PDB file of all heavy atoms in Angstrom:
ATOM      1  N   GLY A   1     145.246 154.544 133.526  1.00  0.00           N
ATOM      2  CA  GLY A   1     146.202 153.413 133.588  1.00  0.00           C
ATOM      3  C   GLY A   1     145.943 152.373 134.635  1.00  0.00           C
ATOM      4  O   GLY A   1     146.613 151.359 134.678  1.00  0.00           O
ATOM      5  N   LYS A   2     144.953 152.598 135.495  1.00  0.00           N
ATOM      6  CA  LYS A   2     144.601 151.644 136.507  1.00  0.00           C
ATOM      7  C   LYS A   2     143.824 150.489 135.912  1.00  0.00           C
ATOM      8  O   LYS A   2     143.002 150.686 135.012  1.00  0.00           O
ATOM      9  CB  LYS A   2     143.756 152.305 137.581  1.00  0.00           C
ATOM     10  CG  LYS A   2     144.486 153.404 138.418  1.00  0.00           C
ATOM     11  CD  LYS A   2     145.321 152.827 139.491  1.00  0.00           C
ATOM     12  CE  LYS A   2     145.858 153.927 140.406  1.00  0.00           C
ATOM     13  NZ  LYS A   2     146.680 153.355 141.526  1.00  0.00           N
ATOM     14  N   LYS A   3     143.998 149.289 136.435  1.00  0.00           N
ATOM     15  CA  LYS A   3     143.180 148.141 136.048  1.00  0.00           C
ATOM     16  C   LYS A   3     141.825 148.266 136.687  1.00  0.00           C
ATOM     17  O   LYS A   3     141.703 148.675 137.845  1.00  0.00           O
ATOM     18  CB  LYS A   3     143.869 146.815 136.377  1.00  0.00           C
ATOM     19  CG  LYS A   3     145.090 146.561 135.565  1.00  0.00           C
ATOM     20  CD  LYS A   3     145.626 145.145 135.894  1.00  0.00           C
ATOM     21  CE  LYS A   3     146.836 144.829 135.004  1.00  0.00           C
ATOM     22  NZ  LYS A   3     147.363 143.486 135.295  1.00  0.00           N
ATOM     23  N   LEU A   4     140.800 147.938 135.939  1.00  0.00           N
ATOM     24  CA  LEU A   4     139.440 148.093 136.437  1.00  0.00           C
ATOM     25  C   LEU A   4     139.182 147.347 137.734  1.00  0.00           C
ATOM     26  O   LEU A   4     138.545 147.824 138.637  1.00  0.00           O
ATOM     27  CB  LEU A   4     138.458 147.594 135.342  1.00  0.00           C
ATOM     28  CG  LEU A   4     136.975 147.682 135.664  1.00  0.00           C
ATOM     29  CD1 LEU A   4     136.552 149.152 135.981  1.00  0.00           C
ATOM     30  CD2 LEU A   4     136.114 147.128 134.547  1.00  0.00           C
ATOM     31  N   GLY A   5     139.781 146.129 137.794  1.00  0.00           N
ATOM     32  CA  GLY A   5     139.588 145.350 139.012  1.00  0.00           C
ATOM     33  C   GLY A   5     140.164 145.980 140.269  1.00  0.00           C
ATOM     34  O   GLY A   5     139.699 145.709 141.436  1.00  0.00           O
ATOM     35  N   THR A   6     141.200 146.817 140.166  1.00  0.00           N
ATOM     36  CA  THR A   6     141.819 147.452 141.328  1.00  0.00           C
ATOM     37  C   THR A   6     140.967 148.552 141.923  1.00  0.00           C
ATOM     38  O   THR A   6     141.236 148.999 143.009  1.00  0.00           O
ATOM     39  CB  THR A   6     143.220 148.013 140.976  1.00  0.00           C
ATOM     40  OG1 THR A   6     143.027 149.049 140.012  1.00  0.00           O
ATOM     41  CG2 THR A   6     144.103 146.905 140.399  1.00  0.00           C
ATOM     42  N   LEU A   7     139.930 149.022 141.197  1.00  0.00           N
ATOM     43  CA  LEU A   7     139.048 150.034 141.694  1.00  0.00           C
ATOM     44  C   LEU A   7     138.050 149.483 142.654  1.00  0.00           C
ATOM     45  O   LEU A   7     137.428 150.290 143.397  1.00  0.00           O
ATOM     46  CB  LEU A   7     138.352 150.792 140.551  1.00  0.00           C
ATOM     47  CG  LEU A   7     139.313 151.368 139.476  1.00  0.00           C
ATOM     48  CD1 LEU A   7     138.485 152.190 138.467  1.00  0.00           C
ATOM     49  CD2 LEU A   7     140.368 152.283 140.117  1.00  0.00           C
ATOM     50  N   HIS A   8     137.692 148.226 142.607  1.00  0.00           N
ATOM     51  CA  HIS A   8     136.742 147.576 143.497  1.00  0.00           C
ATOM     52  C   HIS A   8     135.422 148.246 143.495  1.00  0.00           C
ATOM     53  O   HIS A   8     134.827 148.449 144.611  1.00  0.00           O
ATOM     54  CB  HIS A   8     137.316 147.504 144.939  1.00  0.00           C
ATOM     55  CG  HIS A   8     138.688 146.837 145.023  1.00  0.00           C
ATOM     56  ND1 HIS A   8     138.872 145.469 144.786  1.00  0.00           N
ATOM     57  CD2 HIS A   8     139.927 147.300 145.341  1.00  0.00           C
ATOM     58  CE1 HIS A   8     140.165 145.177 144.914  1.00  0.00           C
ATOM     59  NE2 HIS A   8     140.808 146.260 145.269  1.00  0.00           N
ATOM     60  N   LEU A   9     134.935 148.650 142.352  1.00  0.00           N
ATOM     61  CA  LEU A   9     133.694 149.383 142.233  1.00  0.00           C
ATOM     62  C   LEU A   9     132.540 148.548 142.769  1.00  0.00           C
ATOM     63  O   LEU A   9     131.571 149.030 143.319  1.00  0.00           O
ATOM     64  CB  LEU A   9     133.413 149.826 140.816  1.00  0.00           C
ATOM     65  CG  LEU A   9     134.469 150.831 140.251  1.00  0.00           C
ATOM     66  CD1 LEU A   9     134.105 151.186 138.821  1.00  0.00           C
ATOM     67  CD2 LEU A   9     134.539 152.101 141.076  1.00  0.00           C
ATOM     68  N   ARG A  10     132.568 147.207 142.462  1.00  0.00           N
ATOM     69  CA  ARG A  10     131.467 146.378 142.869  1.00  0.00           C
ATOM     70  C   ARG A  10     131.400 146.231 144.371  1.00  0.00           C
ATOM     71  O   ARG A  10     130.282 146.315 144.985  1.00  0.00           O
ATOM     72  CB  ARG A  10     131.610 145.027 142.261  1.00  0.00           C
ATOM     73  CG  ARG A  10     130.572 144.008 142.646  1.00  0.00           C
ATOM     74  CD  ARG A  10     130.809 142.625 141.942  1.00  0.00           C
ATOM     75  NE  ARG A  10     130.536 142.703 140.523  1.00  0.00           N
ATOM     76  CZ  ARG A  10     130.716 141.753 139.704  1.00  0.00           C
ATOM     77  NH1 ARG A  10     131.271 140.558 140.101  1.00  0.00           N
ATOM     78  NH2 ARG A  10     130.419 141.825 138.422  1.00  0.00           N
ATOM     79  N   ASN A  11     132.472 146.107 145.086  1.00  0.00           N
ATOM     80  CA  ASN A  11     132.516 145.918 146.534  1.00  0.00           C
ATOM     81  C   ASN A  11     132.268 147.231 147.283  1.00  0.00           C
ATOM     82  O   ASN A  11     131.566 147.207 148.290  1.00  0.00           O
ATOM     83  CB  ASN A  11     133.835 145.281 146.939  1.00  0.00           C
ATOM     84  CG  ASN A  11     134.050 143.918 146.415  1.00  0.00           C
ATOM     85  OD1 ASN A  11     133.096 143.203 146.150  1.00  0.00           O
ATOM     86  ND2 ASN A  11     135.312 143.541 146.179  1.00  0.00           N
ATOM     87  N   ILE A  12     132.820 148.318 146.745  1.00  0.00           N
ATOM     88  CA  ILE A  12     132.754 149.575 147.490  1.00  0.00           C
ATOM     89  C   ILE A  12     131.429 150.301 147.222  1.00  0.00           C
ATOM     90  O   ILE A  12     130.761 150.825 148.144  1.00  0.00           O
ATOM     91  CB  ILE A  12     133.924 150.492 147.149  1.00  0.00           C
ATOM     92  CG1 ILE A  12     135.247 149.834 147.585  1.00  0.00           C
ATOM     93  CG2 ILE A  12     133.753 151.834 147.753  1.00  0.00           C
ATOM     94  CD1 ILE A  12     136.453 150.611 147.141  1.00  0.00           C
ATOM     95  N   TYR A  13     130.976 150.315 145.965  1.00  0.00           N
ATOM     96  CA  TYR A  13     129.778 151.117 145.559  1.00  0.00           C
ATOM     97  C   TYR A  13     128.616 150.279 145.194  1.00  0.00           C
ATOM     98  O   TYR A  13     127.547 150.839 144.908  1.00  0.00           O
ATOM     99  CB  TYR A  13     130.205 152.007 144.346  1.00  0.00           C
ATOM    100  CG  TYR A  13     131.223 153.036 144.645  1.00  0.00           C
ATOM    101  CD1 TYR A  13     132.567 152.789 144.313  1.00  0.00           C
ATOM    102  CD2 TYR A  13     130.941 154.203 145.316  1.00  0.00           C
ATOM    103  CE1 TYR A  13     133.554 153.736 144.571  1.00  0.00           C
ATOM    104  CE2 TYR A  13     131.902 155.175 145.578  1.00  0.00           C
ATOM    105  CZ  TYR A  13     133.222 154.947 145.219  1.00  0.00           C
ATOM    106  OH  TYR A  13     134.193 155.826 145.492  1.00  0.00           O
ATOM    107  N   ASP A  14     128.789 148.937 145.205  1.00  0.00           N
ATOM    108  CA  ASP A  14     127.646 148.046 144.859  1.00  0.00           C
ATOM    109  C   ASP A  14     127.128 148.285 143.443  1.00  0.00           C
ATOM    110  O   ASP A  14     125.892 148.366 143.245  1.00  0.00           O
ATOM    111  CB  ASP A  14     126.555 148.187 145.872  1.00  0.00           C
ATOM    112  CG  ASP A  14     125.615 146.977 145.900  1.00  0.00           C
ATOM    113  OD1 ASP A  14     126.052 145.858 145.490  1.00  0.00           O
ATOM    114  OD2 ASP A  14     124.424 147.119 146.263  1.00  0.00           O
ATOM    115  N   VAL A  15     128.004 148.469 142.486  1.00  0.00           N
ATOM    116  CA  VAL A  15     127.629 148.606 141.079  1.00  0.00           C
ATOM    117  C   VAL A  15     128.453 147.684 140.223  1.00  0.00           C
ATOM    118  O   VAL A  15     129.462 147.124 140.649  1.00  0.00           O
ATOM    119  CB  VAL A  15     127.888 150.087 140.596  1.00  0.00           C
ATOM    120  CG1 VAL A  15     127.097 151.079 141.406  1.00  0.00           C
ATOM    121  CG2 VAL A  15     129.401 150.391 140.602  1.00  0.00           C
ATOM    122  N   ASN A  16     127.999 147.456 139.056  1.00  0.00           N
ATOM    123  CA  ASN A  16     128.735 146.634 138.046  1.00  0.00           C
ATOM    124  C   ASN A  16     129.053 147.473 136.830  1.00  0.00           C
ATOM    125  O   ASN A  16     128.241 148.264 136.381  1.00  0.00           O
ATOM    126  CB  ASN A  16     127.862 145.414 137.617  1.00  0.00           C
ATOM    127  CG  ASN A  16     127.963 144.286 138.637  1.00  0.00           C
ATOM    128  OD1 ASN A  16     129.076 143.933 139.038  1.00  0.00           O
ATOM    129  ND2 ASN A  16     126.826 143.802 139.032  1.00  0.00           N
ATOM    130  N   VAL A  17     130.260 147.296 136.309  1.00  0.00           N
ATOM    131  CA  VAL A  17     130.659 147.906 135.016  1.00  0.00           C
ATOM    132  C   VAL A  17     130.511 146.815 133.990  1.00  0.00           C
ATOM    133  O   VAL A  17     131.173 145.796 134.035  1.00  0.00           O
ATOM    134  CB  VAL A  17     132.104 148.436 135.044  1.00  0.00           C
ATOM    135  CG1 VAL A  17     132.452 149.084 133.692  1.00  0.00           C
ATOM    136  CG2 VAL A  17     132.281 149.444 136.157  1.00  0.00           C
ATOM    137  N   SER A  18     129.574 146.995 132.988  1.00  0.00           N
ATOM    138  CA  SER A  18     129.288 145.961 132.024  1.00  0.00           C
ATOM    139  C   SER A  18     130.157 146.112 130.792  1.00  0.00           C
ATOM    140  O   SER A  18     130.464 145.067 130.134  1.00  0.00           O
ATOM    141  CB  SER A  18     127.820 145.980 131.641  1.00  0.00           C
ATOM    142  OG  SER A  18     127.491 147.217 131.050  1.00  0.00           O
ATOM    143  N   ARG A  19     130.504 147.292 130.423  1.00  0.00           N
ATOM    144  CA  ARG A  19     131.366 147.477 129.226  1.00  0.00           C
ATOM    145  C   ARG A  19     132.068 148.848 129.333  1.00  0.00           C
ATOM    146  O   ARG A  19     131.667 149.712 130.042  1.00  0.00           O
ATOM    147  CB  ARG A  19     130.549 147.436 127.954  1.00  0.00           C
ATOM    148  CG  ARG A  19     129.668 148.614 127.679  1.00  0.00           C
ATOM    149  CD  ARG A  19     128.929 148.465 126.366  1.00  0.00           C
ATOM    150  NE  ARG A  19     127.686 147.676 126.473  1.00  0.00           N
ATOM    151  CZ  ARG A  19     126.899 147.369 125.504  1.00  0.00           C
ATOM    152  NH1 ARG A  19     127.198 147.746 124.247  1.00  0.00           N
ATOM    153  NH2 ARG A  19     125.822 146.656 125.636  1.00  0.00           N
ATOM    154  N   VAL A  20     133.135 148.955 128.531  1.00  0.00           N
ATOM    155  CA  VAL A  20     133.927 150.171 128.450  1.00  0.00           C
ATOM    156  C   VAL A  20     134.024 150.515 126.968  1.00  0.00           C
ATOM    157  O   VAL A  20     134.391 149.675 126.137  1.00  0.00           O
ATOM    158  CB  VAL A  20     135.320 149.983 129.083  1.00  0.00           C
ATOM    159  CG1 VAL A  20     136.191 151.247 128.813  1.00  0.00           C
ATOM    160  CG2 VAL A  20     135.221 149.669 130.502  1.00  0.00           C
ATOM    161  N   ILE A  21     133.647 151.797 126.642  1.00  0.00           N
ATOM    162  CA  ILE A  21     133.715 152.207 125.264  1.00  0.00           C
ATOM    163  C   ILE A  21     134.910 153.146 125.104  1.00  0.00           C
ATOM    164  O   ILE A  21     135.041 154.148 125.839  1.00  0.00           O
ATOM    165  CB  ILE A  21     132.443 152.921 124.838  1.00  0.00           C
ATOM    166  CG1 ILE A  21     131.246 152.045 125.066  1.00  0.00           C
ATOM    167  CG2 ILE A  21     132.490 153.406 123.386  1.00  0.00           C
ATOM    168  CD1 ILE A  21     129.883 152.718 124.820  1.00  0.00           C
ATOM    169  N   ARG A  22     135.820 152.792 124.230  1.00  0.00           N
ATOM    170  CA  ARG A  22     137.040 153.568 123.974  1.00  0.00           C
ATOM    171  C   ARG A  22     137.022 153.945 122.486  1.00  0.00           C
ATOM    172  O   ARG A  22     137.233 153.134 121.586  1.00  0.00           O
ATOM    173  CB  ARG A  22     138.276 152.738 124.276  1.00  0.00           C
ATOM    174  CG  ARG A  22     139.604 153.415 124.094  1.00  0.00           C
ATOM    175  CD  ARG A  22     140.733 152.562 124.628  1.00  0.00           C
ATOM    176  NE  ARG A  22     140.535 152.329 126.116  1.00  0.00           N
ATOM    177  CZ  ARG A  22     141.117 151.295 126.730  1.00  0.00           C
ATOM    178  NH1 ARG A  22     141.893 150.454 126.099  1.00  0.00           N
ATOM    179  NH2 ARG A  22     140.900 151.170 128.022  1.00  0.00           N
ATOM    180  N   GLY A  23     136.818 155.251 122.246  1.00  0.00           N
ATOM    181  CA  GLY A  23     136.633 155.640 120.844  1.00  0.00           C
ATOM    182  C   GLY A  23     135.373 155.036 120.307  1.00  0.00           C
ATOM    183  O   GLY A  23     134.240 155.303 120.818  1.00  0.00           O
ATOM    184  N   ASP A  24     135.513 154.228 119.266  1.00  0.00           N
ATOM    185  CA  ASP A  24     134.302 153.517 118.692  1.00  0.00           C
ATOM    186  C   ASP A  24     134.306 152.048 119.077  1.00  0.00           C
ATOM    187  O   ASP A  24     133.454 151.283 118.569  1.00  0.00           O
ATOM    188  CB  ASP A  24     134.319 153.650 117.137  1.00  0.00           C
ATOM    189  CG  ASP A  24     134.044 155.070 116.677  1.00  0.00           C
ATOM    190  OD1 ASP A  24     133.341 155.808 117.415  1.00  0.00           O
ATOM    191  OD2 ASP A  24     134.592 155.474 115.643  1.00  0.00           O
TER     192      ASP A  24
END
């Protein structure tokens, strides 16, 4: 239920999330 932006993956881990697959 968290918004992707609130995880700050880019700033904390220096990675990018390009897409999210949910089911198909």
